[in-house]
C-alpha atoms as a PDB file:
ATOM      1  CA  GLN A   1     127.291  40.318 105.849  1.00  0.00           C
ATOM      2  CA  VAL A   2     125.773  40.735 102.415  1.00  0.00           C
ATOM      3  CA  GLN A   3     127.224  43.427 100.189  1.00  0.00           C
ATOM      4  CA  LEU A   4     125.497  45.205  97.327  1.00  0.00           C
ATOM      5  CA  ALA A   5     127.098  46.492  94.137  1.00  0.00           C
ATOM      6  CA  GLU A   6     125.276  48.879  91.794  1.00  0.00           C
ATOM      7  CA  SER A   7     125.990  49.602  88.163  1.00  0.00           C
ATOM      8  CA  GLY A   8     124.388  51.301  85.196  1.00  0.00           C
ATOM      9  CA  GLY A   9     124.276  54.961  86.139  1.00  0.00           C
ATOM     10  CA  GLY A  10     125.218  57.766  83.783  1.00  0.00           C
ATOM     11  CA  LEU A  11     124.102  60.825  81.850  1.00  0.00           C
ATOM     12  CA  VAL A  12     120.967  60.789  79.738  1.00  0.00           C
ATOM     13  CA  GLN A  13     118.738  63.366  78.085  1.00  0.00           C
ATOM     14  CA  THR A  14     115.191  64.110  79.160  1.00  0.00           C
ATOM     15  CA  GLY A  15     112.888  61.362  77.948  1.00  0.00           C
ATOM     16  CA  GLY A  16     115.669  58.819  77.778  1.00  0.00           C
ATOM     17  CA  SER A  17     116.135  55.516  79.595  1.00  0.00           C
ATOM     18  CA  LEU A  18     118.649  53.870  81.880  1.00  0.00           C
ATOM     19  CA  ARG A  19     118.760  50.510  83.628  1.00  0.00           C
ATOM     20  CA  LEU A  20     120.391  50.150  87.003  1.00  0.00           C
ATOM     21  CA  SER A  21     121.575  46.798  88.316  1.00  0.00           C
ATOM     22  CA  CYS A  22     122.261  45.713  91.873  1.00  0.00           C
ATOM     23  CA  THR A  23     124.014  42.440  92.632  1.00  0.00           C
ATOM     24  CA  ALA A  24     124.127  40.944  96.098  1.00  0.00           C
ATOM     25  CA  SER A  25     127.230  39.079  97.251  1.00  0.00           C
ATOM     26  CA  GLU A  26     125.106  36.113  98.308  1.00  0.00           C
ATOM     27  CA  ARG A  27     121.684  34.631  97.761  1.00  0.00           C
ATOM     28  CA  LEU A  28     119.010  36.446  99.732  1.00  0.00           C
ATOM     29  CA  TYR A  29     116.280  34.711 101.698  1.00  0.00           C
ATOM     30  CA  SER A  30     112.813  34.701 100.202  1.00  0.00           C
ATOM     31  CA  SER A  31     111.677  37.004 103.004  1.00  0.00           C
ATOM     32  CA  TYR A  32     114.089  39.721 101.931  1.00  0.00           C
ATOM     33  CA  ILE A  33     113.160  42.886 100.091  1.00  0.00           C
ATOM     34  CA  MET A  34     115.469  44.664  97.653  1.00  0.00           C
ATOM     35  CA  GLY A  35     114.922  48.327  97.059  1.00  0.00           C
ATOM     36  CA  TRP A  36     116.152  51.521  95.477  1.00  0.00           C
ATOM     37  CA  PHE A  37     116.425  54.883  97.183  1.00  0.00           C
ATOM     38  CA  ARG A  38     117.757  58.125  95.738  1.00  0.00           C
ATOM     39  CA  GLN A  39     119.218  61.372  96.988  1.00  0.00           C
ATOM     40  CA  PRO A  40     118.770  64.391  94.717  1.00  0.00           C
ATOM     41  CA  PRO A  41     121.302  67.237  95.029  1.00  0.00           C
ATOM     42  CA  GLY A  42     120.702  69.196  98.229  1.00  0.00           C
ATOM     43  CA  LYS A  43     117.806  67.008  99.299  1.00  0.00           C
ATOM     44  CA  GLU A  44     117.227  64.067 101.610  1.00  0.00           C
ATOM     45  CA  ARG A  45     117.153  60.465 100.528  1.00  0.00           C
ATOM     46  CA  GLU A  46     113.810  59.194  99.317  1.00  0.00           C
ATOM     47  CA  PHE A  47     112.280  55.840  98.524  1.00  0.00           C
ATOM     48  CA  VAL A  48     111.977  54.912  94.852  1.00  0.00           C
ATOM     49  CA  ALA A  49     110.929  51.266  94.483  1.00  0.00           C
ATOM     50  CA  ALA A  50     111.164  47.827  96.086  1.00  0.00           C
ATOM     51  CA  VAL A  51     110.689  44.192  95.145  1.00  0.00           C
ATOM     52  CA  ARG A  52     110.078  41.197  97.376  1.00  0.00           C
ATOM     53  CA  GLN A  53     112.422  38.310  96.739  1.00  0.00           C
ATOM     54  CA  GLY A  54     109.891  35.563  97.339  1.00  0.00           C
ATOM     55  CA  THR A  55     106.732  36.823  95.638  1.00  0.00           C
ATOM     56  CA  GLY A  56     108.180  39.392  93.260  1.00  0.00           C
ATOM     57  CA  GLY A  57     105.657  41.890  94.578  1.00  0.00           C
ATOM     58  CA  THR A  58     106.598  45.515  93.922  1.00  0.00           C
ATOM     59  CA  THR A  59     106.062  48.931  95.482  1.00  0.00           C
ATOM     60  CA  TYR A  60     106.759  52.324  93.901  1.00  0.00           C
ATOM     61  CA  ALA A  61     106.925  55.928  94.944  1.00  0.00           C
ATOM     62  CA  ASP A  62     104.179  57.986  93.335  1.00  0.00           C
ATOM     63  CA  SER A  63     106.776  60.103  91.553  1.00  0.00           C
ATOM     64  CA  VAL A  64     108.031  57.159  89.486  1.00  0.00           C
ATOM     65  CA  LYS A  65     104.907  55.044  88.969  1.00  0.00           C
ATOM     66  CA  GLY A  66     104.365  54.239  85.313  1.00  0.00           C
ATOM     67  CA  ARG A  67     107.928  55.245  84.387  1.00  0.00           C
ATOM     68  CA  PHE A  68     110.169  52.974  86.471  1.00  0.00           C
ATOM     69  CA  THR A  69     110.036  49.186  86.731  1.00  0.00           C
ATOM     70  CA  ILE A  70     111.795  47.157  89.398  1.00  0.00           C
ATOM     71  CA  SER A  71     112.464  43.454  88.936  1.00  0.00           C
ATOM     72  CA  ARG A  72     114.735  40.733  90.283  1.00  0.00           C
ATOM     73  CA  ASP A  73     116.523  37.666  89.014  1.00  0.00           C
ATOM     74  CA  ARG A  74     117.109  35.374  91.944  1.00  0.00           C
ATOM     75  CA  THR A  75     119.388  33.103  89.926  1.00  0.00           C
ATOM     76  CA  LYS A  76     121.790  36.040  89.602  1.00  0.00           C
ATOM     77  CA  ASN A  77     121.168  37.596  93.048  1.00  0.00           C
ATOM     78  CA  THR A  78     120.381  40.771  91.110  1.00  0.00           C
ATOM     79  CA  ALA A  79     117.707  43.448  91.134  1.00  0.00           C
ATOM     80  CA  TYR A  80     117.102  45.862  88.287  1.00  0.00           C
ATOM     81  CA  LEU A  81     115.577  49.306  88.003  1.00  0.00           C
ATOM     82  CA  GLN A  82     114.449  50.150  84.495  1.00  0.00           C
ATOM     83  CA  MET A  83     113.975  53.896  84.272  1.00  0.00           C
ATOM     84  CA  ASP A  84     112.063  55.282  81.284  1.00  0.00           C
ATOM     85  CA  SER A  85     110.785  58.740  80.396  1.00  0.00           C
ATOM     86  CA  LEU A  86     113.441  60.252  82.621  1.00  0.00           C
ATOM     87  CA  LYS A  87     113.058  63.818  83.841  1.00  0.00           C
ATOM     88  CA  PRO A  88     115.634  66.293  85.168  1.00  0.00           C
ATOM     89  CA  GLU A  89     114.098  65.870  88.629  1.00  0.00           C
ATOM     90  CA  ASP A  90     115.167  62.204  88.544  1.00  0.00           C
ATOM     91  CA  THR A  91     118.773  63.389  88.797  1.00  0.00           C
ATOM     92  CA  ALA A  92     120.190  61.856  91.967  1.00  0.00           C
ATOM     93  CA  VAL A  93     122.533  59.338  93.473  1.00  0.00           C
ATOM     94  CA  TYR A  94     120.662  56.034  93.413  1.00  0.00           C
ATOM     95  CA  TYR A  95     121.280  53.503  96.171  1.00  0.00           C
ATOM     96  CA  CYS A  96     120.430  49.821  96.191  1.00  0.00           C
ATOM     97  CA  THR A  97     119.257  48.439  99.505  1.00  0.00           C
ATOM     98  CA  CYS A  98     118.042  45.228 101.044  1.00  0.00           C
ATOM     99  CA  GLY A  99     116.534  44.063 104.291  1.00  0.00           C
ATOM    100  CA  SER A 100     114.112  41.629 105.850  1.00  0.00           C
ATOM    101  CA  THR A 101     111.689  44.288 107.059  1.00  0.00           C
ATOM    102  CA  TRP A 102     109.937  47.320 105.568  1.00  0.00           C
ATOM    103  CA  PRO A 103     111.433  49.654 104.529  1.00  0.00           C
ATOM    104  CA  PRO A 104     114.436  47.664 103.274  1.00  0.00           C
ATOM    105  CA  GLN A 105     117.285  49.716 104.696  1.00  0.00           C
ATOM    106  CA  THR A 106     119.494  47.208 106.497  1.00  0.00           C
ATOM    107  CA  THR A 107     122.195  47.115 103.839  1.00  0.00           C
ATOM    108  CA  TRP A 108     123.148  49.848 101.371  1.00  0.00           C
ATOM    109  CA  GLY A 109     125.234  49.907  98.234  1.00  0.00           C
ATOM    110  CA  GLN A 110     127.697  52.698  97.501  1.00  0.00           C
ATOM    111  CA  GLY A 111     125.378  54.443  95.079  1.00  0.00           C
ATOM    112  CA  VAL A 112     125.475  55.374  91.389  1.00  0.00           C
ATOM    113  CA  GLN A 113     124.990  58.799  89.841  1.00  0.00           C
ATOM    114  CA  VAL A 114     122.112  59.345  87.440  1.00  0.00           C
ATOM    115  CA  THR A 115     122.017  62.698  85.677  1.00  0.00           C
ATOM    116  CA  VAL A 116     119.181  63.724  83.386  1.00  0.00           C
ATOM    117  CA  SER A 117     119.901  66.762  81.243  1.00  0.00           C
ATOM    118  CA  SER A 118     117.162  69.104  80.057  1.00  0.00           C
END
């Protein structure tokens, strides 16, 4: 079973940037989707962004459109989440996911903490 490993979380000030990485333990089929979800403190998990392995097509939550960019490098089995213009409300544990159907929630990484200070 594929495993996902995230990296790149940390503490940043409002307006700053971070890039999260997610590496899969094996090459994913072109039909697979890689995604990012997040869980803010005291709240439920929510969808952030997703990218289709084959086409590179992307989908974003309204709350991050224009600030976050998801991409993938199939040669490295890795997906990235570039987060710019960060806000305190972006503070959350961010989880990488993948799956062959929508939403991509078959496999989850362990999560990385992102904290945005005001």
